[in-house]
């Protein structure tokens, strides 16, 4: 093996492997959001699952998102920016949660 090939192989092996985006599942059931505190990263997807027989929303207090969740349905959101986001259900304001998104 030539020194050039050895260098090319070593350089390829030294390249960082990009992190895989994850999907975080958050449930809404019995007028509660679970987990109430969740951590994710920019590029991850949140999948909200509404297990109740009535509609809910996932509404960010800072205006970043407002996701409608019909009864017994799911909805997804791709996270595009970092920060701590408090959110709630507009129909049931006692349903509150926090999502912390890392860069």
Protein backbone atom coordinates (compact mmCIF):
# COMPACT_ATOMS: atom_id res chain seq x y z
CA UNK A 1 0.00 0.00 0.00
CA UNK A 2 1.39 3.38 -0.97
CA UNK A 3 1.80 6.19 1.55
CA UNK A 4 -0.88 8.17 -0.33
CA UNK A 5 -3.45 5.38 0.10
CA UNK A 6 -2.59 5.02 3.79
CA UNK A 7 -3.06 8.75 4.27
CA UNK A 8 -6.40 8.73 2.40
CA UNK A 9 -7.71 5.84 4.53
CA UNK A 10 -6.54 7.48 7.76
CA UNK A 11 -8.15 10.77 6.75
CA UNK A 12 -11.44 9.06 5.94
CA UNK A 13 -11.48 7.24 9.28
CA UNK A 14 -10.75 10.45 11.16
CA UNK A 15 -13.79 12.28 9.73
CA UNK A 16 -16.51 12.87 12.31
CA UNK A 17 -19.72 10.94 11.89
CA UNK A 18 -22.74 13.27 12.00
CA UNK A 19 -25.21 12.61 14.80
CA UNK A 20 -28.50 11.04 13.80
CA UNK A 21 -31.61 13.10 14.34
CA UNK A 22 -33.96 11.58 16.88
CA UNK A 23 -37.71 11.45 17.25
CA UNK A 24 -39.01 12.29 20.69
CA UNK A 25 -42.53 11.09 21.54
CA UNK A 26 -44.63 13.27 23.85
CA UNK A 27 -48.07 12.02 24.90
CA UNK A 28 -51.19 13.89 25.83
CA UNK A 29 -53.48 11.72 27.90
CA UNK A 30 -55.94 12.32 30.76
CA UNK A 31 -55.34 16.09 30.42
CA UNK A 32 -51.59 15.71 31.05
CA UNK A 33 -48.49 16.10 28.90
CA UNK A 34 -45.85 13.41 29.42
CA UNK A 35 -43.04 13.96 29.83
CA UNK A 36 -43.65 17.42 31.25
CA UNK A 37 -39.94 18.24 30.78
CA UNK A 38 -38.18 16.94 27.66
CA UNK A 39 -34.78 17.49 26.05
CA UNK A 40 -34.04 17.43 22.33
CA UNK A 41 -31.59 18.82 19.79
CA UNK A 42 -31.97 21.05 16.74
CA UNK A 43 -32.85 18.71 13.86
CA UNK A 44 -34.81 16.30 16.04
CA UNK A 45 -38.51 15.71 15.48
CA UNK A 46 -41.16 15.91 18.16
CA UNK A 47 -44.09 13.55 17.68
CA UNK A 48 -47.02 14.47 19.85
CA UNK A 49 -49.52 11.67 20.43
CA UNK A 50 -53.00 12.67 21.57
CA UNK A 51 -54.49 9.68 23.38
CA UNK A 52 -57.54 11.62 24.58
CA UNK A 53 -61.00 11.68 23.00
CA UNK A 54 -60.86 15.47 22.58
CA UNK A 55 -58.52 17.84 20.76
CA UNK A 56 -55.40 19.43 22.24
CA UNK A 57 -52.74 21.84 21.03
CA UNK A 58 -49.03 22.18 21.68
CA UNK A 59 -48.74 25.96 21.75
CA UNK A 60 -45.38 27.59 22.49
CA UNK A 61 -45.63 30.61 24.75
CA UNK A 62 -42.88 32.34 22.70
CA UNK A 63 -44.76 31.78 19.41
CA UNK A 64 -42.33 29.21 17.97
CA UNK A 65 -45.07 26.66 17.23
CA UNK A 66 -48.78 26.00 17.55
CA UNK A 67 -49.52 22.38 16.71
CA UNK A 68 -53.14 21.14 16.51
CA UNK A 69 -53.74 17.61 17.77
CA UNK A 70 -57.17 16.18 16.94
CA UNK A 71 -58.54 13.46 19.21
CA UNK A 72 -56.65 10.16 18.97
CA UNK A 73 -54.20 11.54 16.37
CA UNK A 74 -50.52 12.45 16.14
CA UNK A 75 -48.66 15.49 14.83
CA UNK A 76 -44.97 16.15 14.24
CA UNK A 77 -42.67 19.15 14.37
CA UNK A 78 -39.06 19.47 13.20
CA UNK A 79 -37.02 21.49 15.72
CA UNK A 80 -35.15 24.29 13.98
CA UNK A 81 -33.69 26.42 16.78
CA UNK A 82 -32.24 26.00 20.24
CA UNK A 83 -33.71 27.27 23.48
CA UNK A 84 -36.07 26.47 26.33
CA UNK A 85 -39.69 26.51 25.20
CA UNK A 86 -42.63 26.52 27.56
CA UNK A 87 -45.79 25.27 25.87
CA UNK A 88 -49.37 24.43 26.79
CA UNK A 89 -52.73 23.36 25.38
CA UNK A 90 -54.88 26.33 24.34
CA UNK A 91 -58.05 24.33 25.07
CA UNK A 92 -56.82 23.11 28.48
CA UNK A 93 -54.37 25.75 29.82
CA UNK A 94 -53.58 23.63 32.88
CA UNK A 95 -51.72 21.25 30.53
CA UNK A 96 -48.17 22.67 30.57
CA UNK A 97 -44.73 21.40 29.62
CA UNK A 98 -41.19 22.54 28.82
CA UNK A 99 -39.04 21.50 25.90
CA UNK A 100 -35.32 22.27 26.04
CA UNK A 101 -33.66 22.22 22.62
CA UNK A 102 -29.86 22.08 22.48
CA UNK A 103 -27.90 23.25 19.40
